[in-house]
């Protein structure tokens, strides 16, 4: 199937079959799609926490708009962004770039100095607003890869960031949760959207030509 056909097939599943699990092979492909996503300056300022443990999922449902979805899905992917930028984080990324490309260390120092100046002049809140936005690109690619594999997914912002951050110990990692992605397989009897037509704004209204 083409990408467009896969996107036509997928929808935000509202009920998962708890007896069906996404294979390790398919999960790895979904995570790799997210890892390969483009990010601002190539910094990849976020991490993905894979939650499969049922006890953890049960604890994370507090404050969640769709608790049954979280409990019954196969895995919960937590997209968590850096809480702020730092000189050390920027250097670590670009040291990896030079090492893996067999370039002299500091090859990109003029550029990284500029990044440090820009982000250093911002508040931690402004930094996080920027790092958080990067996660959505990876989220979209993860959903597209899941659709290609015929793995269902549900993106979610309706959850308690404080609860998730505390349960997963994200503060200690310098991270803050941004979005969740539930993975699994739809329960055809309970997932009411499975039998409904996909509805989107018509192309002639969605696209504005100038």
C-alpha atoms as a PDB file:
ATOM      1  CA  UNK A   1       0.000   0.000   0.000  1.00  0.00           C
ATOM      2  CA  UNK A   2       1.080   3.592  -0.603  1.00  0.00           C
ATOM      3  CA  UNK A   3       1.642   6.124   2.165  1.00  0.00           C
ATOM      4  CA  UNK A   4      -1.653   7.824   1.351  1.00  0.00           C
ATOM      5  CA  UNK A   5      -3.505   4.514   1.495  1.00  0.00           C
ATOM      6  CA  UNK A   6      -1.910   3.762   4.858  1.00  0.00           C
ATOM      7  CA  UNK A   7      -2.943   7.165   6.190  1.00  0.00           C
ATOM      8  CA  UNK A   8      -6.463   6.635   4.882  1.00  0.00           C
ATOM      9  CA  UNK A   9      -6.536   3.307   6.756  1.00  0.00           C
ATOM     10  CA  UNK A  10      -5.358   4.614  10.125  1.00  0.00           C
ATOM     11  CA  UNK A  11      -7.383   6.479  12.725  1.00  0.00           C
ATOM     12  CA  UNK A  12      -7.022   7.320  16.390  1.00  0.00           C
ATOM     13  CA  UNK A  13      -8.202   4.036  17.865  1.00  0.00           C
ATOM     14  CA  UNK A  14     -10.611   4.382  20.798  1.00  0.00           C
ATOM     15  CA  UNK A  15     -10.516   0.775  22.049  1.00  0.00           C
ATOM     16  CA  UNK A  16      -7.689  -1.768  21.913  1.00  0.00           C
ATOM     17  CA  UNK A  17      -7.685  -5.552  22.076  1.00  0.00           C
ATOM     18  CA  UNK A  18      -5.625  -6.196  25.198  1.00  0.00           C
ATOM     19  CA  UNK A  19      -4.832  -9.757  24.082  1.00  0.00           C
ATOM     20  CA  UNK A  20      -2.891  -8.624  20.990  1.00  0.00           C
ATOM     21  CA  UNK A  21       0.660  -7.344  21.323  1.00  0.00           C
ATOM     22  CA  UNK A  22       2.875  -5.492  18.876  1.00  0.00           C
ATOM     23  CA  UNK A  23       5.924  -7.602  18.041  1.00  0.00           C
ATOM     24  CA  UNK A  24       9.411  -6.493  19.046  1.00  0.00           C
ATOM     25  CA  UNK A  25      10.339  -6.337  15.362  1.00  0.00           C
ATOM     26  CA  UNK A  26       7.488  -3.996  14.451  1.00  0.00           C
ATOM     27  CA  UNK A  27       8.050  -1.868  17.545  1.00  0.00           C
ATOM     28  CA  UNK A  28      11.705  -1.431  16.605  1.00  0.00           C
ATOM     29  CA  UNK A  29      10.721  -0.213  13.126  1.00  0.00           C
ATOM     30  CA  UNK A  30       8.295   2.332  14.587  1.00  0.00           C
ATOM     31  CA  UNK A  31      10.935   3.609  16.998  1.00  0.00           C
ATOM     32  CA  UNK A  32      13.524   3.773  14.220  1.00  0.00           C
ATOM     33  CA  UNK A  33      11.188   5.938  12.127  1.00  0.00           C
ATOM     34  CA  UNK A  34      10.922   8.329  15.073  1.00  0.00           C
ATOM     35  CA  UNK A  35      14.692   8.264  15.631  1.00  0.00           C
ATOM     36  CA  UNK A  36      15.319   9.212  12.003  1.00  0.00           C
ATOM     37  CA  UNK A  37      12.965  12.194  12.171  1.00  0.00           C
ATOM     38  CA  UNK A  38      14.423  15.612  11.353  1.00  0.00           C
ATOM     39  CA  UNK A  39      14.922  18.011  14.254  1.00  0.00           C
ATOM     40  CA  UNK A  40      16.064  21.608  14.571  1.00  0.00           C
ATOM     41  CA  UNK A  41      19.862  21.731  14.099  1.00  0.00           C
ATOM     42  CA  UNK A  42      19.864  17.935  14.312  1.00  0.00           C
ATOM     43  CA  UNK A  43      19.901  18.095  18.108  1.00  0.00           C
ATOM     44  CA  UNK A  44      17.219  15.433  18.697  1.00  0.00           C
ATOM     45  CA  UNK A  45      16.239  17.197  21.953  1.00  0.00           C
ATOM     46  CA  UNK A  46      13.889  14.498  23.185  1.00  0.00           C
ATOM     47  CA  UNK A  47      13.748  10.844  24.104  1.00  0.00           C
ATOM     48  CA  UNK A  48      11.077   8.152  23.777  1.00  0.00           C
ATOM     49  CA  UNK A  49      10.222   6.025  26.786  1.00  0.00           C
ATOM     50  CA  UNK A  50       8.596   2.698  25.899  1.00  0.00           C
ATOM     51  CA  UNK A  51       6.150   1.552  28.562  1.00  0.00           C
ATOM     52  CA  UNK A  52       5.008  -2.069  28.287  1.00  0.00           C
ATOM     53  CA  UNK A  53       4.771  -2.901  31.979  1.00  0.00           C
ATOM     54  CA  UNK A  54       1.091  -3.210  32.867  1.00  0.00           C
ATOM     55  CA  UNK A  55       1.586  -1.990  36.436  1.00  0.00           C
ATOM     56  CA  UNK A  56       3.168   1.219  35.147  1.00  0.00           C
ATOM     57  CA  UNK A  57       0.355   1.739  32.663  1.00  0.00           C
ATOM     58  CA  UNK A  58      -2.202   1.292  35.450  1.00  0.00           C
ATOM     59  CA  UNK A  59      -0.433   3.966  37.496  1.00  0.00           C
ATOM     60  CA  UNK A  60      -0.168   6.372  34.583  1.00  0.00           C
ATOM     61  CA  UNK A  61      -3.917   6.434  33.894  1.00  0.00           C
ATOM     62  CA  UNK A  62      -4.575   8.994  36.627  1.00  0.00           C
ATOM     63  CA  UNK A  63      -5.594  12.168  34.819  1.00  0.00           C
ATOM     64  CA  UNK A  64      -5.848  10.393  31.450  1.00  0.00           C
ATOM     65  CA  UNK A  65      -8.866  11.166  29.266  1.00  0.00           C
ATOM     66  CA  UNK A  66      -8.951   7.623  27.836  1.00  0.00           C
ATOM     67  CA  UNK A  67      -7.796   5.355  30.684  1.00  0.00           C
ATOM     68  CA  UNK A  68      -9.031   2.134  29.045  1.00  0.00           C
ATOM     69  CA  UNK A  69      -7.055   2.904  25.906  1.00  0.00           C
ATOM     70  CA  UNK A  70      -3.868   3.293  27.934  1.00  0.00           C
ATOM     71  CA  UNK A  71      -4.510   0.138  29.924  1.00  0.00           C
ATOM     72  CA  UNK A  72      -5.445  -2.067  26.968  1.00  0.00           C
ATOM     73  CA  UNK A  73      -2.919  -0.958  24.350  1.00  0.00           C
ATOM     74  CA  UNK A  74       0.221  -2.974  23.728  1.00  0.00           C
ATOM     75  CA  UNK A  75       2.745  -0.201  24.401  1.00  0.00           C
ATOM     76  CA  UNK A  76       2.689   3.434  25.432  1.00  0.00           C
ATOM     77  CA  UNK A  77       5.369   5.577  23.822  1.00  0.00           C
ATOM     78  CA  UNK A  78       6.127   8.662  25.885  1.00  0.00           C
ATOM     79  CA  UNK A  79       7.702  11.472  23.885  1.00  0.00           C
ATOM     80  CA  UNK A  80       9.662  13.486  26.451  1.00  0.00           C
ATOM     81  CA  UNK A  81      11.652  16.609  25.563  1.00  0.00           C
ATOM     82  CA  UNK A  82      14.701  18.162  27.164  1.00  0.00           C
ATOM     83  CA  UNK A  83      13.568  20.513  29.900  1.00  0.00           C
ATOM     84  CA  UNK A  84      16.083  23.073  28.565  1.00  0.00           C
ATOM     85  CA  UNK A  85      19.111  23.432  26.327  1.00  0.00           C
ATOM     86  CA  UNK A  86      22.646  23.530  27.698  1.00  0.00           C
ATOM     87  CA  UNK A  87      26.109  23.998  26.254  1.00  0.00           C
ATOM     88  CA  UNK A  88      26.977  20.462  27.324  1.00  0.00           C
ATOM     89  CA  UNK A  89      24.022  18.906  25.508  1.00  0.00           C
ATOM     90  CA  UNK A  90      24.790  20.801  22.310  1.00  0.00           C
ATOM     91  CA  UNK A  91      28.465  19.844  22.465  1.00  0.00           C
ATOM     92  CA  UNK A  92      27.619  16.201  23.076  1.00  0.00           C
ATOM     93  CA  UNK A  93      25.494  16.055  19.932  1.00  0.00           C
ATOM     94  CA  UNK A  94      28.030  17.770  17.696  1.00  0.00           C
ATOM     95  CA  UNK A  95      30.959  15.806  19.118  1.00  0.00           C
ATOM     96  CA  UNK A  96      29.091  12.708  17.968  1.00  0.00           C
ATOM     97  CA  UNK A  97      28.627  14.254  14.518  1.00  0.00           C
ATOM     98  CA  UNK A  98      32.322  14.965  14.095  1.00  0.00           C
ATOM     99  CA  UNK A  99      33.402  11.609  15.509  1.00  0.00           C
ATOM    100  CA  UNK A 100      31.097   9.522  13.316  1.00  0.00           C
ATOM    101  CA  UNK A 101      31.928  11.600  10.221  1.00  0.00           C
ATOM    102  CA  UNK A 102      35.663  11.422  10.940  1.00  0.00           C
ATOM    103  CA  UNK A 103      35.944  15.193  11.235  1.00  0.00           C
ATOM    104  CA  UNK A 104      38.087  17.208  13.659  1.00  0.00           C
ATOM    105  CA  UNK A 105      36.422  17.899  17.001  1.00  0.00           C
ATOM    106  CA  UNK A 106      35.058  21.435  17.062  1.00  0.00           C
ATOM    107  CA  UNK A 107      34.532  21.487  13.298  1.00  0.00           C
ATOM    108  CA  UNK A 108      31.103  23.079  13.831  1.00  0.00           C
ATOM    109  CA  UNK A 109      32.072  25.358  16.720  1.00  0.00           C
ATOM    110  CA  UNK A 110      31.068  28.574  14.938  1.00  0.00           C
ATOM    111  CA  UNK A 111      27.571  27.155  14.496  1.00  0.00           C
ATOM    112  CA  UNK A 112      27.277  25.619  17.955  1.00  0.00           C
ATOM    113  CA  UNK A 113      28.487  28.868  19.537  1.00  0.00           C
ATOM    114  CA  UNK A 114      25.599  30.596  17.790  1.00  0.00           C
ATOM    115  CA  UNK A 115      23.139  27.985  19.078  1.00  0.00           C
ATOM    116  CA  UNK A 116      24.453  28.363  22.624  1.00  0.00           C
ATOM    117  CA  UNK A 117      24.034  32.125  22.397  1.00  0.00           C
ATOM    118  CA  UNK A 118      20.466  31.881  21.088  1.00  0.00           C
ATOM    119  CA  UNK A 119      19.214  29.272  23.552  1.00  0.00           C
ATOM    120  CA  UNK A 120      21.257  30.647  26.434  1.00  0.00           C
ATOM    121  CA  UNK A 121      19.416  33.957  26.114  1.00  0.00           C
ATOM    122  CA  UNK A 122      16.057  32.224  26.470  1.00  0.00           C
ATOM    123  CA  UNK A 123      14.249  31.109  29.599  1.00  0.00           C
ATOM    124  CA  UNK A 124      13.947  27.420  30.443  1.00  0.00           C
ATOM    125  CA  UNK A 125      10.263  27.666  29.523  1.00  0.00           C
ATOM    126  CA  UNK A 126      11.135  29.047  26.085  1.00  0.00           C
ATOM    127  CA  UNK A 127      13.726  26.307  25.635  1.00  0.00           C
ATOM    128  CA  UNK A 128      11.181  23.626  26.495  1.00  0.00           C
ATOM    129  CA  UNK A 129       8.571  25.099  24.157  1.00  0.00           C
ATOM    130  CA  UNK A 130      11.099  24.643  21.351  1.00  0.00           C
ATOM    131  CA  UNK A 131      12.263  21.148  22.291  1.00  0.00           C
ATOM    132  CA  UNK A 132       8.670  20.013  22.764  1.00  0.00           C
ATOM    133  CA  UNK A 133       7.732  21.050  19.229  1.00  0.00           C
ATOM    134  CA  UNK A 134      10.414  18.769  17.835  1.00  0.00           C
ATOM    135  CA  UNK A 135       8.649  15.712  19.223  1.00  0.00           C
ATOM    136  CA  UNK A 136       5.641  16.161  16.940  1.00  0.00           C
ATOM    137  CA  UNK A 137       7.671  15.522  13.803  1.00  0.00           C
ATOM    138  CA  UNK A 138       8.848  12.196  15.216  1.00  0.00           C
ATOM    139  CA  UNK A 139       5.337  11.424  16.437  1.00  0.00           C
ATOM    140  CA  UNK A 140       3.963  11.823  12.909  1.00  0.00           C
ATOM    141  CA  UNK A 141       6.609   9.580  11.372  1.00  0.00           C
ATOM    142  CA  UNK A 142       6.048   6.947  14.059  1.00  0.00           C
ATOM    143  CA  UNK A 143       2.324   6.900  13.272  1.00  0.00           C
ATOM    144  CA  UNK A 144       3.026   6.648   9.542  1.00  0.00           C
ATOM    145  CA  UNK A 145       5.389   3.707  10.072  1.00  0.00           C
ATOM    146  CA  UNK A 146       2.880   2.028  12.366  1.00  0.00           C
ATOM    147  CA  UNK A 147       0.193   2.404   9.702  1.00  0.00           C
ATOM    148  CA  UNK A 148       2.461   0.794   7.112  1.00  0.00           C
ATOM    149  CA  UNK A 149       2.854  -2.178   9.461  1.00  0.00           C
ATOM    150  CA  UNK A 150      -0.898  -2.216  10.115  1.00  0.00           C
ATOM    151  CA  UNK A 151      -0.270  -1.416  13.763  1.00  0.00           C
ATOM    152  CA  UNK A 152      -2.934   0.839  15.229  1.00  0.00           C
ATOM    153  CA  UNK A 153      -2.017   3.997  17.093  1.00  0.00           C
ATOM    154  CA  UNK A 154      -3.559   6.817  19.086  1.00  0.00           C
ATOM    155  CA  UNK A 155      -1.718  10.099  19.735  1.00  0.00           C
ATOM    156  CA  UNK A 156      -2.647  11.680  23.056  1.00  0.00           C
ATOM    157  CA  UNK A 157      -2.139  14.948  24.871  1.00  0.00           C
ATOM    158  CA  UNK A 158      -4.998  14.276  27.292  1.00  0.00           C
ATOM    159  CA  UNK A 159      -2.992  13.007  30.236  1.00  0.00           C
ATOM    160  CA  UNK A 160      -1.366  14.308  33.399  1.00  0.00           C
ATOM    161  CA  UNK A 161       2.190  15.314  32.566  1.00  0.00           C
ATOM    162  CA  UNK A 162       2.975  15.580  36.270  1.00  0.00           C
ATOM    163  CA  UNK A 163       1.832  12.019  36.956  1.00  0.00           C
ATOM    164  CA  UNK A 164       3.715  10.552  33.985  1.00  0.00           C
ATOM    165  CA  UNK A 165       6.872  12.524  34.747  1.00  0.00           C
ATOM    166  CA  UNK A 166       6.860  11.411  38.373  1.00  0.00           C
ATOM    167  CA  UNK A 167       6.136   7.737  37.696  1.00  0.00           C
ATOM    168  CA  UNK A 168       8.835   7.484  35.031  1.00  0.00           C
ATOM    169  CA  UNK A 169      11.384   9.624  36.906  1.00  0.00           C
ATOM    170  CA  UNK A 170      11.744  12.018  33.981  1.00  0.00           C
ATOM    171  CA  UNK A 171      12.841  15.033  36.029  1.00  0.00           C
ATOM    172  CA  UNK A 172      15.994  13.194  37.047  1.00  0.00           C
ATOM    173  CA  UNK A 173      16.720  12.628  33.350  1.00  0.00           C
ATOM    174  CA  UNK A 174      16.251  16.303  32.469  1.00  0.00           C
ATOM    175  CA  UNK A 175      13.090  15.466  30.519  1.00  0.00           C
ATOM    176  CA  UNK A 176       9.427  16.480  30.539  1.00  0.00           C
ATOM    177  CA  UNK A 177       6.639  14.517  28.860  1.00  0.00           C
ATOM    178  CA  UNK A 178       4.975  16.111  25.838  1.00  0.00           C
ATOM    179  CA  UNK A 179       2.804  13.548  24.055  1.00  0.00           C
ATOM    180  CA  UNK A 180       1.888   9.876  24.248  1.00  0.00           C
ATOM    181  CA  UNK A 181       1.409   7.377  21.450  1.00  0.00           C
ATOM    182  CA  UNK A 182      -0.614   4.263  22.173  1.00  0.00           C
ATOM    183  CA  UNK A 183       0.184   1.251  19.997  1.00  0.00           C
ATOM    184  CA  UNK A 184      -1.703  -1.998  19.523  1.00  0.00           C
ATOM    185  CA  UNK A 185      -4.582  -3.489  17.591  1.00  0.00           C
ATOM    186  CA  UNK A 186      -8.124  -2.189  17.467  1.00  0.00           C
ATOM    187  CA  UNK A 187     -10.981  -3.987  19.170  1.00  0.00           C
ATOM    188  CA  UNK A 188     -13.446  -4.094  16.284  1.00  0.00           C
ATOM    189  CA  UNK A 189     -16.452  -4.411  18.590  1.00  0.00           C
ATOM    190  CA  UNK A 190     -15.569  -1.553  20.931  1.00  0.00           C
ATOM    191  CA  UNK A 191     -13.703   0.847  18.652  1.00  0.00           C
ATOM    192  CA  UNK A 192     -16.612   2.801  17.207  1.00  0.00           C
ATOM    193  CA  UNK A 193     -14.432   4.637  14.671  1.00  0.00           C
ATOM    194  CA  UNK A 194     -13.446   1.387  12.955  1.00  0.00           C
ATOM    195  CA  UNK A 195     -16.748   1.269  11.106  1.00  0.00           C
ATOM    196  CA  UNK A 196     -16.995   4.953  10.263  1.00  0.00           C
ATOM    197  CA  UNK A 197     -15.885   6.880   7.211  1.00  0.00           C
ATOM    198  CA  UNK A 198     -12.737   8.943   7.641  1.00  0.00           C
ATOM    199  CA  UNK A 199     -13.679  12.616   7.478  1.00  0.00           C
ATOM    200  CA  UNK A 200     -11.334  15.490   6.679  1.00  0.00           C
ATOM    201  CA  UNK A 201     -11.742  19.038   5.374  1.00  0.00           C
ATOM    202  CA  UNK A 202     -12.026  18.961   1.556  1.00  0.00           C
ATOM    203  CA  UNK A 203      -8.782  19.695  -0.293  1.00  0.00           C
ATOM    204  CA  UNK A 204     -10.172  22.866  -1.883  1.00  0.00           C
ATOM    205  CA  UNK A 205     -10.838  24.284   1.581  1.00  0.00           C
ATOM    206  CA  UNK A 206      -7.740  22.877   3.271  1.00  0.00           C
ATOM    207  CA  UNK A 207      -5.222  24.278   0.798  1.00  0.00           C
ATOM    208  CA  UNK A 208      -4.964  28.029   0.260  1.00  0.00           C
ATOM    209  CA  UNK A 209      -3.175  28.986  -2.950  1.00  0.00           C
ATOM    210  CA  UNK A 210      -1.396  32.324  -3.188  1.00  0.00           C
END
